[in-house]
Each structure stands twice: as C-alpha cells, then as structure tokens.
Amino acid sequence: MDAITLNLNPVILLTDEQFFQLCQINELIRFERNADGTLLLMPLVGGLTSNCNANITAQLGLWNRDESLGVAFSSSTGFTLPNGAVRSPNASWLRRDKWDNLTQKQKERFALVCPDFVVELRSDSDSWQRLQKKMQEYLDNGSRLGWLIDLETKRVEIYRHKQDVEILQSPASLLGEDILPGFVLNLKGIW
C-alpha cells in the first residue's frame, strides 16, 4: 500500500504552524505535505525496513559525529522545502553553516531548508515512481546528493545536482563524495 493523498483544499488551507501541530497531535501517523498543499499519509514500515533505516542513520550519525561538518537527521525530521512541500527523508544531512543560520524556533519546527544530502529507502509499500519524483524534488530544491535504495532489488539510484541519475546494482558500499567527504555507507548489513 502506497501513501494516501488527502486533499483538504479549498475547504481547509493549513498554515505551516497548523501542519506542524497536526503532525504533533497525530504522532503515530507519518505525514508529508506536497507543494500543492495536499497531504500524504505514509504507512508505517515493517521491522526489516526499519532496521535497515536505523543502520543507515547510525552510520551517517557516527561519521557526522567524527567529522562535525554538519547535522545528521533521522526519518522523523520534517523539512519545508523552498517549493512549500514538507518532506521527511529516511536519513539526511545538512551543512553546519545552513543549520547555524536557522533560528532556534526554525530548528524546533519543520525548518525552511532543504538537506544537502538525502536517503530514501524503498519499503514494500512504496511506489518506486513516487520516490523517484521525490528524489528529483529534493534536487530541484537544493539537495546536492541523494541515494534511493531498493532493498528488494538491491538497486541504488544516485542523484547528483545537475547530473544524470547513476544506477548501481548490489553495490557493497556508497561514497559520500565531496558532499560528505570520507563517508562510506557499508551496505553489507543492509542487503
């Protein structure tokens, strides 16, 4: 089952604050908001996908702790992209200078900033095409590197700013390139 789209427009037009509060009140429902204001209700994932996501987030967090070049985020973080969409990648990273330029209140809400790096992990309930569009949306709004990982097929699509998508089949690892210098995601425990 893929995400469910809920269109409240034009009956209800949620402000950024109202959308944030809706997410807080309904903490067991994963929401995202499209640029047109429609809401996506995301299904919970199973243990396998969650475990793989935790592995990816842990590796990114450990690298970031040692390098301290930015801030790493888990799948429960929402970002308000410049196009107005609110997205929650499975793992993400933001350069330190961008994070430091946010106010305390912005850091506590869905900050108006697009992560420099994003990871989307496809669960069996996700549409591959929807995730590909989401990856392109990240790039269009300022991301510089993104990985779309499909556990079932062991396929990885690498999205880079102003470059064609690179497709890898069953890679042992992924490199953070110049965006995340020195970061290597070991996929051995994920496949």
N, C-alpha and C. Protein backbone atom coordinates (compact mmCIF):
# COMPACT_ATOMS: atom_id res chain seq x y z
N MET A 1 0.85 -1.18 0.00
CA MET A 1 0.00 0.00 0.00
C MET A 1 0.88 1.23 0.00
N ASP A 2 0.72 2.08 -0.98
CA ASP A 2 1.49 3.31 -1.09
C ASP A 2 0.85 4.38 -0.21
N ALA A 3 1.47 5.52 -0.16
CA ALA A 3 0.95 6.65 0.61
C ALA A 3 -0.44 7.03 0.12
N ILE A 4 -1.25 7.54 1.01
CA ILE A 4 -2.59 8.01 0.69
C ILE A 4 -2.55 9.52 0.60
N THR A 5 -3.08 10.07 -0.48
CA THR A 5 -3.13 11.52 -0.65
C THR A 5 -4.46 12.04 -0.14
N LEU A 6 -4.40 13.05 0.69
CA LEU A 6 -5.58 13.66 1.28
C LEU A 6 -5.63 15.12 0.84
N ASN A 7 -6.67 15.49 0.11
CA ASN A 7 -6.80 16.86 -0.39
C ASN A 7 -7.86 17.59 0.43
N LEU A 8 -7.41 18.50 1.27
CA LEU A 8 -8.31 19.30 2.09
C LEU A 8 -8.66 20.63 1.43
N ASN A 9 -7.94 20.97 0.36
CA ASN A 9 -8.16 22.24 -0.34
C ASN A 9 -9.46 22.17 -1.13
N PRO A 10 -10.23 23.17 -1.28
CA PRO A 10 -10.06 24.50 -0.70
C PRO A 10 -10.79 24.67 0.63
N VAL A 11 -11.32 23.59 1.19
CA VAL A 11 -12.07 23.68 2.44
C VAL A 11 -11.16 24.13 3.58
N ILE A 12 -10.00 23.51 3.68
CA ILE A 12 -9.05 23.85 4.74
C ILE A 12 -7.69 24.07 4.11
N LEU A 13 -7.12 25.22 4.34
CA LEU A 13 -5.76 25.53 3.90
C LEU A 13 -4.89 25.62 5.14
N LEU A 14 -4.10 24.59 5.40
CA LEU A 14 -3.29 24.55 6.62
C LEU A 14 -2.07 25.48 6.50
N THR A 15 -1.87 26.29 7.51
CA THR A 15 -0.65 27.08 7.58
C THR A 15 0.49 26.15 7.97
N ASP A 16 1.72 26.64 7.88
CA ASP A 16 2.87 25.83 8.30
C ASP A 16 2.73 25.42 9.76
N GLU A 17 2.31 26.34 10.60
CA GLU A 17 2.16 26.05 12.03
C GLU A 17 1.05 25.02 12.27
N GLN A 18 -0.08 25.15 11.56
CA GLN A 18 -1.17 24.19 11.71
C GLN A 18 -0.75 22.79 11.26
N PHE A 19 0.02 22.73 10.17
CA PHE A 19 0.50 21.43 9.70
C PHE A 19 1.46 20.82 10.73
N PHE A 20 2.34 21.63 11.29
CA PHE A 20 3.25 21.14 12.32
C PHE A 20 2.46 20.59 13.51
N GLN A 21 1.45 21.34 13.96
CA GLN A 21 0.64 20.89 15.10
C GLN A 21 -0.14 19.61 14.76
N LEU A 22 -0.66 19.50 13.55
CA LEU A 22 -1.35 18.28 13.12
C LEU A 22 -0.41 17.08 13.24
N CYS A 23 0.84 17.25 12.83
CA CYS A 23 1.82 16.17 12.94
C CYS A 23 2.13 15.83 14.39
N GLN A 24 2.17 16.83 15.26
CA GLN A 24 2.47 16.59 16.66
C GLN A 24 1.32 15.87 17.37
N ILE A 25 0.11 16.27 17.06
CA ILE A 25 -1.06 15.68 17.70
C ILE A 25 -1.25 14.23 17.26
N ASN A 26 -0.91 13.94 16.02
CA ASN A 26 -1.07 12.60 15.44
C ASN A 26 0.29 11.94 15.26
N GLU A 27 1.01 11.79 16.34
CA GLU A 27 2.40 11.35 16.27
C GLU A 27 2.60 9.95 15.70
N LEU A 28 1.58 9.13 15.68
CA LEU A 28 1.72 7.79 15.13
C LEU A 28 1.44 7.73 13.63
N ILE A 29 1.05 8.86 13.05
CA ILE A 29 0.81 8.93 11.61
C ILE A 29 1.94 9.75 10.99
N ARG A 30 2.55 9.20 9.96
CA ARG A 30 3.61 9.92 9.26
C ARG A 30 2.96 10.74 8.15
N PHE A 31 3.09 12.06 8.25
CA PHE A 31 2.55 12.96 7.24
C PHE A 31 3.69 13.59 6.44
N GLU A 32 3.44 13.85 5.18
CA GLU A 32 4.24 14.77 4.38
C GLU A 32 3.24 15.68 3.68
N ARG A 33 3.73 16.83 3.24
CA ARG A 33 2.84 17.75 2.52
C ARG A 33 3.45 18.04 1.16
N ASN A 34 2.63 17.92 0.12
CA ASN A 34 3.07 18.24 -1.23
C ASN A 34 3.10 19.74 -1.43
N ALA A 35 3.78 20.18 -2.46
CA ALA A 35 3.88 21.60 -2.76
C ALA A 35 2.51 22.24 -3.00
N ASP A 36 1.53 21.45 -3.48
CA ASP A 36 0.19 21.99 -3.73
C ASP A 36 -0.70 22.00 -2.49
N GLY A 37 -0.15 21.60 -1.34
CA GLY A 37 -0.90 21.62 -0.08
C GLY A 37 -1.60 20.31 0.26
N THR A 38 -1.66 19.36 -0.67
CA THR A 38 -2.25 18.07 -0.35
C THR A 38 -1.35 17.33 0.64
N LEU A 39 -1.98 16.51 1.46
CA LEU A 39 -1.24 15.77 2.47
C LEU A 39 -1.02 14.33 2.04
N LEU A 40 0.12 13.79 2.40
CA LEU A 40 0.40 12.37 2.18
C LEU A 40 0.41 11.69 3.53
N LEU A 41 -0.37 10.64 3.66
CA LEU A 41 -0.35 9.82 4.86
C LEU A 41 0.48 8.60 4.53
N MET A 42 1.59 8.47 5.23
CA MET A 42 2.56 7.43 4.93
C MET A 42 2.32 6.24 5.84
N PRO A 43 2.27 5.03 5.27
CA PRO A 43 2.07 3.84 6.13
C PRO A 43 3.32 3.57 6.97
N LEU A 44 3.11 2.98 8.14
CA LEU A 44 4.23 2.55 8.95
C LEU A 44 4.95 1.43 8.20
N VAL A 45 6.27 1.31 8.44
CA VAL A 45 7.04 0.28 7.78
C VAL A 45 7.26 -0.90 8.72
N GLY A 46 7.61 -2.03 8.14
CA GLY A 46 7.87 -3.22 8.92
C GLY A 46 9.26 -3.21 9.54
N GLY A 47 9.53 -4.26 10.30
CA GLY A 47 10.78 -4.36 11.03
C GLY A 47 12.00 -4.38 10.14
N LEU A 48 11.95 -5.08 9.00
CA LEU A 48 13.12 -5.17 8.12
C LEU A 48 13.52 -3.80 7.61
N THR A 49 12.58 -3.06 7.06
CA THR A 49 12.87 -1.72 6.54
C THR A 49 13.34 -0.81 7.65
N SER A 50 12.69 -0.87 8.80
CA SER A 50 13.07 -0.02 9.93
C SER A 50 14.48 -0.32 10.39
N ASN A 51 14.84 -1.60 10.46
CA ASN A 51 16.18 -1.98 10.87
C ASN A 51 17.23 -1.47 9.89
N CYS A 52 16.97 -1.60 8.60
CA CYS A 52 17.90 -1.10 7.59
C CYS A 52 18.02 0.42 7.67
N ASN A 53 16.91 1.09 7.91
CA ASN A 53 16.93 2.54 8.04
C ASN A 53 17.75 2.96 9.27
N ALA A 54 17.60 2.23 10.37
CA ALA A 54 18.38 2.53 11.58
C ALA A 54 19.87 2.34 11.31
N ASN A 55 20.21 1.32 10.54
CA ASN A 55 21.60 1.05 10.19
C ASN A 55 22.19 2.22 9.39
N ILE A 56 21.45 2.69 8.40
CA ILE A 56 21.91 3.82 7.57
C ILE A 56 22.07 5.07 8.43
N THR A 57 21.07 5.37 9.24
CA THR A 57 21.11 6.56 10.10
C THR A 57 22.27 6.48 11.08
N ALA A 58 22.52 5.30 11.64
CA ALA A 58 23.63 5.13 12.58
C ALA A 58 24.97 5.38 11.91
N GLN A 59 25.15 4.83 10.72
CA GLN A 59 26.42 5.04 10.01
C GLN A 59 26.64 6.52 9.68
N LEU A 60 25.58 7.19 9.23
CA LEU A 60 25.68 8.61 8.92
C LEU A 60 25.96 9.41 10.19
N GLY A 61 25.27 9.08 11.27
CA GLY A 61 25.45 9.79 12.54
C GLY A 61 26.86 9.63 13.10
N LEU A 62 27.41 8.43 13.03
CA LEU A 62 28.78 8.21 13.52
C LEU A 62 29.80 8.97 12.70
N TRP A 63 29.64 8.94 11.38
CA TRP A 63 30.54 9.73 10.52
C TRP A 63 30.43 11.21 10.87
N ASN A 64 29.20 11.70 11.02
CA ASN A 64 29.00 13.12 11.30
C ASN A 64 29.57 13.51 12.66
N ARG A 65 29.43 12.64 13.64
CA ARG A 65 29.99 12.91 14.97
C ARG A 65 31.50 13.11 14.88
N ASP A 66 32.16 12.27 14.09
CA ASP A 66 33.61 12.35 13.97
C ASP A 66 34.06 13.53 13.12
N GLU A 67 33.32 13.84 12.06
CA GLU A 67 33.72 14.91 11.14
C GLU A 67 33.18 16.28 11.57
N SER A 68 32.01 16.30 12.16
CA SER A 68 31.37 17.53 12.65
C SER A 68 31.27 18.63 11.59
N LEU A 69 30.93 18.23 10.36
CA LEU A 69 30.80 19.20 9.27
C LEU A 69 29.38 19.70 9.10
N GLY A 70 28.45 19.06 9.79
CA GLY A 70 27.05 19.42 9.65
C GLY A 70 26.22 18.74 10.70
N VAL A 71 24.95 18.52 10.36
CA VAL A 71 23.99 17.91 11.28
C VAL A 71 23.30 16.77 10.54
N ALA A 72 23.25 15.60 11.17
CA ALA A 72 22.59 14.43 10.60
C ALA A 72 21.19 14.29 11.21
N PHE A 73 20.26 13.77 10.41
CA PHE A 73 18.87 13.65 10.85
C PHE A 73 18.32 12.26 10.55
N SER A 74 17.36 11.84 11.38
CA SER A 74 16.69 10.56 11.19
C SER A 74 15.42 10.75 10.35
N SER A 75 14.69 9.67 10.18
CA SER A 75 13.48 9.69 9.34
C SER A 75 12.31 10.45 9.95
N SER A 76 12.41 10.85 11.19
CA SER A 76 11.29 11.55 11.81
C SER A 76 11.40 13.08 11.70
N THR A 77 12.36 13.56 10.91
CA THR A 77 12.57 15.00 10.76
C THR A 77 11.88 15.52 9.50
N GLY A 78 11.11 16.58 9.65
CA GLY A 78 10.46 17.21 8.51
C GLY A 78 11.19 18.47 8.10
N PHE A 79 11.30 18.69 6.80
CA PHE A 79 11.92 19.89 6.24
C PHE A 79 10.92 20.55 5.31
N THR A 80 10.76 21.87 5.43
CA THR A 80 9.93 22.61 4.50
C THR A 80 10.82 23.05 3.35
N LEU A 81 10.59 22.48 2.19
CA LEU A 81 11.40 22.80 1.02
C LEU A 81 11.00 24.16 0.46
N PRO A 82 11.88 24.79 -0.31
CA PRO A 82 11.54 26.10 -0.89
C PRO A 82 10.25 26.10 -1.71
N ASN A 83 9.85 24.95 -2.30
CA ASN A 83 8.61 24.91 -3.07
C ASN A 83 7.37 24.78 -2.20
N GLY A 84 7.54 24.70 -0.86
CA GLY A 84 6.42 24.60 0.07
C GLY A 84 6.10 23.20 0.53
N ALA A 85 6.66 22.19 -0.13
CA ALA A 85 6.44 20.80 0.30
C ALA A 85 7.16 20.57 1.63
N VAL A 86 6.59 19.69 2.45
CA VAL A 86 7.26 19.26 3.68
C VAL A 86 7.60 17.79 3.49
N ARG A 87 8.89 17.49 3.52
CA ARG A 87 9.37 16.13 3.27
C ARG A 87 10.16 15.62 4.46
N SER A 88 10.15 14.30 4.60
CA SER A 88 10.85 13.63 5.69
C SER A 88 11.66 12.46 5.10
N PRO A 89 12.89 12.73 4.67
CA PRO A 89 13.70 11.64 4.12
C PRO A 89 14.05 10.61 5.20
N ASN A 90 14.39 9.40 4.78
CA ASN A 90 14.75 8.36 5.74
C ASN A 90 16.00 8.71 6.53
N ALA A 91 16.93 9.37 5.89
CA ALA A 91 18.13 9.90 6.55
C ALA A 91 18.53 11.14 5.76
N SER A 92 19.13 12.10 6.45
CA SER A 92 19.53 13.32 5.75
C SER A 92 20.64 14.02 6.51
N TRP A 93 21.24 14.98 5.83
CA TRP A 93 22.36 15.72 6.41
C TRP A 93 22.34 17.14 5.85
N LEU A 94 22.69 18.08 6.71
CA LEU A 94 22.69 19.50 6.36
C LEU A 94 24.01 20.11 6.79
N ARG A 95 24.61 20.90 5.91
CA ARG A 95 25.88 21.58 6.25
C ARG A 95 25.71 22.43 7.50
N ARG A 96 26.75 22.50 8.28
CA ARG A 96 26.74 23.23 9.55
C ARG A 96 26.34 24.69 9.36
N ASP A 97 26.85 25.38 8.34
CA ASP A 97 26.54 26.80 8.16
C ASP A 97 25.05 27.02 7.90
N LYS A 98 24.41 26.10 7.17
CA LYS A 98 22.96 26.23 6.93
C LYS A 98 22.19 26.03 8.24
N TRP A 99 22.60 25.05 9.03
CA TRP A 99 21.95 24.79 10.32
C TRP A 99 22.13 25.98 11.24
N ASP A 100 23.33 26.52 11.32
CA ASP A 100 23.62 27.64 12.21
C ASP A 100 22.88 28.91 11.82
N ASN A 101 22.49 29.03 10.56
CA ASN A 101 21.75 30.22 10.11
C ASN A 101 20.26 30.16 10.45
N LEU A 102 19.80 29.01 10.94
CA LEU A 102 18.40 28.90 11.35
C LEU A 102 18.22 29.42 12.76
N THR A 103 17.05 30.00 13.02
CA THR A 103 16.74 30.43 14.38
C THR A 103 16.42 29.20 15.23
N GLN A 104 16.38 29.38 16.54
CA GLN A 104 16.03 28.28 17.43
C GLN A 104 14.64 27.74 17.12
N LYS A 105 13.69 28.65 16.87
CA LYS A 105 12.32 28.23 16.56
C LYS A 105 12.28 27.44 15.24
N GLN A 106 13.04 27.87 14.24
CA GLN A 106 13.08 27.13 12.98
C GLN A 106 13.65 25.73 13.18
N LYS A 107 14.64 25.61 14.05
CA LYS A 107 15.25 24.30 14.33
C LYS A 107 14.26 23.37 15.03
N GLU A 108 13.32 23.94 15.78
CA GLU A 108 12.35 23.14 16.52
C GLU A 108 11.13 22.76 15.68
N ARG A 109 10.96 23.39 14.52
CA ARG A 109 9.83 23.12 13.64
C ARG A 109 10.34 22.42 12.38
N PHE A 110 9.55 22.47 11.31
CA PHE A 110 9.97 21.94 10.02
C PHE A 110 10.69 23.07 9.29
N ALA A 111 11.97 23.16 9.52
CA ALA A 111 12.77 24.29 9.04
C ALA A 111 12.67 24.45 7.53
N LEU A 112 12.62 25.72 7.12
CA LEU A 112 12.59 26.06 5.69
C LEU A 112 14.01 25.93 5.14
N VAL A 113 14.37 24.68 4.85
CA VAL A 113 15.70 24.39 4.32
C VAL A 113 15.65 23.00 3.70
N CYS A 114 16.40 22.82 2.64
CA CYS A 114 16.47 21.50 2.01
C CYS A 114 17.80 20.87 2.39
N PRO A 115 17.79 19.63 2.86
CA PRO A 115 19.05 18.98 3.22
C PRO A 115 20.00 18.90 2.02
N ASP A 116 21.28 18.95 2.29
CA ASP A 116 22.28 18.81 1.23
C ASP A 116 22.36 17.37 0.75
N PHE A 117 22.03 16.44 1.64
CA PHE A 117 22.13 15.01 1.33
C PHE A 117 20.88 14.32 1.87
N VAL A 118 20.29 13.42 1.05
CA VAL A 118 19.10 12.68 1.47
C VAL A 118 19.22 11.21 1.08
N VAL A 119 18.59 10.37 1.89
CA VAL A 119 18.46 8.95 1.58
C VAL A 119 16.99 8.60 1.67
N GLU A 120 16.49 7.93 0.65
CA GLU A 120 15.15 7.36 0.69
C GLU A 120 15.31 5.86 0.52
N LEU A 121 14.71 5.12 1.42
CA LEU A 121 14.77 3.67 1.44
C LEU A 121 13.39 3.15 1.05
N ARG A 122 13.33 2.40 -0.03
CA ARG A 122 12.03 1.92 -0.50
C ARG A 122 11.60 0.70 0.30
N SER A 123 10.42 0.83 0.92
CA SER A 123 9.81 -0.33 1.59
C SER A 123 8.85 -0.96 0.60
N ASP A 124 8.31 -2.11 0.94
CA ASP A 124 7.40 -2.79 0.01
C ASP A 124 6.09 -2.04 -0.19
N SER A 125 5.83 -1.05 0.64
CA SER A 125 4.59 -0.27 0.48
C SER A 125 4.80 1.00 -0.34
N ASP A 126 6.04 1.26 -0.78
CA ASP A 126 6.34 2.49 -1.53
C ASP A 126 6.28 2.29 -3.03
N SER A 127 5.81 3.30 -3.72
CA SER A 127 5.84 3.33 -5.17
C SER A 127 7.22 3.84 -5.61
N TRP A 128 7.88 3.06 -6.47
CA TRP A 128 9.22 3.44 -6.96
C TRP A 128 9.14 4.77 -7.71
N GLN A 129 8.13 4.95 -8.54
CA GLN A 129 7.99 6.18 -9.32
C GLN A 129 7.77 7.39 -8.42
N ARG A 130 6.97 7.23 -7.36
CA ARG A 130 6.75 8.34 -6.43
C ARG A 130 8.05 8.73 -5.75
N LEU A 131 8.85 7.72 -5.37
CA LEU A 131 10.13 8.02 -4.73
C LEU A 131 11.11 8.66 -5.70
N GLN A 132 11.10 8.27 -6.96
CA GLN A 132 11.97 8.92 -7.94
C GLN A 132 11.59 10.39 -8.11
N LYS A 133 10.29 10.68 -8.12
CA LYS A 133 9.84 12.08 -8.21
C LYS A 133 10.26 12.86 -6.97
N LYS A 134 10.19 12.21 -5.83
CA LYS A 134 10.59 12.83 -4.57
C LYS A 134 12.09 13.16 -4.59
N MET A 135 12.90 12.24 -5.11
CA MET A 135 14.34 12.48 -5.20
C MET A 135 14.62 13.67 -6.11
N GLN A 136 13.91 13.74 -7.23
CA GLN A 136 14.10 14.87 -8.13
C GLN A 136 13.66 16.17 -7.47
N GLU A 137 12.60 16.10 -6.67
CA GLU A 137 12.14 17.29 -5.95
C GLU A 137 13.22 17.78 -4.98
N TYR A 138 13.88 16.86 -4.29
CA TYR A 138 14.98 17.27 -3.40
C TYR A 138 16.05 18.02 -4.20
N LEU A 139 16.44 17.47 -5.34
CA LEU A 139 17.47 18.14 -6.16
C LEU A 139 16.99 19.51 -6.63
N ASP A 140 15.75 19.58 -7.08
CA ASP A 140 15.19 20.85 -7.57
C ASP A 140 15.13 21.91 -6.47
N ASN A 141 15.13 21.48 -5.21
CA ASN A 141 15.02 22.41 -4.09
C ASN A 141 16.32 22.62 -3.33
N GLY A 142 17.43 22.07 -3.85
CA GLY A 142 18.73 22.39 -3.26
C GLY A 142 19.60 21.24 -2.79
N SER A 143 19.10 20.01 -2.76
CA SER A 143 19.96 18.90 -2.37
C SER A 143 21.07 18.73 -3.40
N ARG A 144 22.20 18.25 -2.93
CA ARG A 144 23.34 18.07 -3.82
C ARG A 144 23.67 16.61 -4.08
N LEU A 145 23.17 15.71 -3.19
CA LEU A 145 23.42 14.28 -3.36
C LEU A 145 22.27 13.52 -2.71
N GLY A 146 21.80 12.49 -3.38
CA GLY A 146 20.74 11.66 -2.83
C GLY A 146 20.88 10.21 -3.27
N TRP A 147 20.50 9.31 -2.37
CA TRP A 147 20.52 7.88 -2.66
C TRP A 147 19.12 7.32 -2.49
N LEU A 148 18.63 6.68 -3.53
CA LEU A 148 17.35 5.97 -3.48
C LEU A 148 17.69 4.48 -3.48
N ILE A 149 17.38 3.81 -2.37
CA ILE A 149 17.80 2.43 -2.16
C ILE A 149 16.58 1.52 -2.13
N ASP A 150 16.62 0.47 -2.97
CA ASP A 150 15.55 -0.52 -3.01
C ASP A 150 16.08 -1.82 -2.42
N LEU A 151 15.58 -2.19 -1.25
CA LEU A 151 16.05 -3.40 -0.57
C LEU A 151 15.73 -4.67 -1.35
N GLU A 152 14.57 -4.71 -1.97
CA GLU A 152 14.13 -5.93 -2.65
C GLU A 152 15.00 -6.26 -3.86
N THR A 153 15.28 -5.26 -4.68
CA THR A 153 16.05 -5.50 -5.91
C THR A 153 17.54 -5.20 -5.74
N LYS A 154 17.93 -4.66 -4.59
CA LYS A 154 19.32 -4.25 -4.31
C LYS A 154 19.82 -3.23 -5.34
N ARG A 155 18.92 -2.38 -5.74
CA ARG A 155 19.22 -1.34 -6.71
C ARG A 155 19.38 -0.01 -5.97
N VAL A 156 20.35 0.78 -6.40
CA VAL A 156 20.56 2.11 -5.84
C VAL A 156 20.60 3.11 -6.99
N GLU A 157 19.82 4.17 -6.86
CA GLU A 157 19.90 5.28 -7.80
C GLU A 157 20.58 6.43 -7.07
N ILE A 158 21.62 6.97 -7.69
CA ILE A 158 22.36 8.09 -7.10
C ILE A 158 21.97 9.36 -7.85
N TYR A 159 21.48 10.31 -7.09
CA TYR A 159 21.05 11.60 -7.63
C TYR A 159 22.07 12.65 -7.24
N ARG A 160 22.57 13.37 -8.24
CA ARG A 160 23.54 14.44 -8.03
C ARG A 160 23.04 15.70 -8.71
N HIS A 161 23.38 16.82 -8.11
CA HIS A 161 22.99 18.13 -8.65
C HIS A 161 23.52 18.29 -10.08
N LYS A 162 22.62 18.57 -11.01
CA LYS A 162 22.93 18.84 -12.42
C LYS A 162 23.66 17.69 -13.11
N GLN A 163 23.32 16.45 -12.73
CA GLN A 163 23.89 15.28 -13.39
C GLN A 163 22.80 14.24 -13.62
N ASP A 164 23.06 13.34 -14.56
CA ASP A 164 22.13 12.24 -14.79
C ASP A 164 22.16 11.28 -13.60
N VAL A 165 21.07 10.59 -13.41
CA VAL A 165 20.97 9.60 -12.33
C VAL A 165 21.87 8.41 -12.67
N GLU A 166 22.65 7.98 -11.68
CA GLU A 166 23.50 6.80 -11.83
C GLU A 166 22.80 5.63 -11.14
N ILE A 167 22.78 4.48 -11.81
CA ILE A 167 22.12 3.29 -11.27
C ILE A 167 23.19 2.23 -10.97
N LEU A 168 23.15 1.72 -9.75
CA LEU A 168 24.07 0.66 -9.33
C LEU A 168 23.26 -0.56 -8.92
N GLN A 169 23.79 -1.73 -9.22
CA GLN A 169 23.13 -2.97 -8.83
C GLN A 169 23.99 -3.68 -7.78
N SER A 170 23.43 -3.88 -6.61
CA SER A 170 24.06 -4.58 -5.48
C SER A 170 25.43 -4.04 -5.08
N PRO A 171 25.58 -2.71 -4.92
CA PRO A 171 26.89 -2.21 -4.50
C PRO A 171 27.19 -2.62 -3.07
N ALA A 172 28.48 -2.80 -2.78
CA ALA A 172 28.90 -3.15 -1.42
C ALA A 172 28.91 -1.93 -0.52
N SER A 173 29.11 -0.75 -1.14
CA SER A 173 29.15 0.48 -0.36
C SER A 173 28.81 1.66 -1.27
N LEU A 174 28.53 2.79 -0.65
CA LEU A 174 28.28 4.04 -1.36
C LEU A 174 29.18 5.11 -0.75
N LEU A 175 29.70 5.99 -1.59
CA LEU A 175 30.60 7.04 -1.13
C LEU A 175 29.88 8.38 -1.01
N GLY A 176 30.21 9.13 0.01
CA GLY A 176 29.62 10.44 0.22
C GLY A 176 30.18 11.52 -0.68
N GLU A 177 31.17 11.17 -1.46
CA GLU A 177 31.76 12.06 -2.45
C GLU A 177 32.22 13.36 -1.80
N ASP A 178 32.15 14.46 -2.52
CA ASP A 178 32.62 15.74 -1.95
C ASP A 178 31.57 16.40 -1.06
N ILE A 179 30.35 15.87 -1.04
CA ILE A 179 29.30 16.41 -0.18
C ILE A 179 29.52 15.94 1.26
N LEU A 180 29.84 14.67 1.43
CA LEU A 180 30.11 14.06 2.73
C LEU A 180 31.51 13.45 2.67
N PRO A 181 32.55 14.27 2.70
CA PRO A 181 33.91 13.76 2.49
C PRO A 181 34.30 12.70 3.52
N GLY A 182 34.72 11.55 3.00
CA GLY A 182 35.15 10.46 3.86
C GLY A 182 34.04 9.53 4.30
N PHE A 183 32.79 9.86 4.02
CA PHE A 183 31.69 8.98 4.43
C PHE A 183 31.54 7.82 3.45
N VAL A 184 31.51 6.62 3.99
CA VAL A 184 31.27 5.41 3.22
C VAL A 184 30.12 4.67 3.89
N LEU A 185 29.05 4.47 3.17
CA LEU A 185 27.93 3.69 3.69
C LEU A 185 28.16 2.24 3.33
N ASN A 186 28.35 1.41 4.33
CA ASN A 186 28.55 -0.02 4.13
C ASN A 186 27.18 -0.67 3.99
N LEU A 187 26.93 -1.24 2.83
CA LEU A 187 25.63 -1.86 2.56
C LEU A 187 25.59 -3.34 2.90
N LYS A 188 26.69 -3.87 3.38
CA LYS A 188 26.77 -5.31 3.70
C LYS A 188 25.67 -5.71 4.70
N GLY A 189 25.46 -4.95 5.75
CA GLY A 189 24.45 -5.27 6.74
C GLY A 189 23.05 -4.85 6.31
N ILE A 190 22.93 -4.18 5.18
CA ILE A 190 21.64 -3.71 4.71
C ILE A 190 21.04 -4.68 3.69
N TRP A 191 21.89 -5.22 2.83
CA TRP A 191 21.39 -6.19 1.83
C TRP A 191 21.09 -7.48 2.54
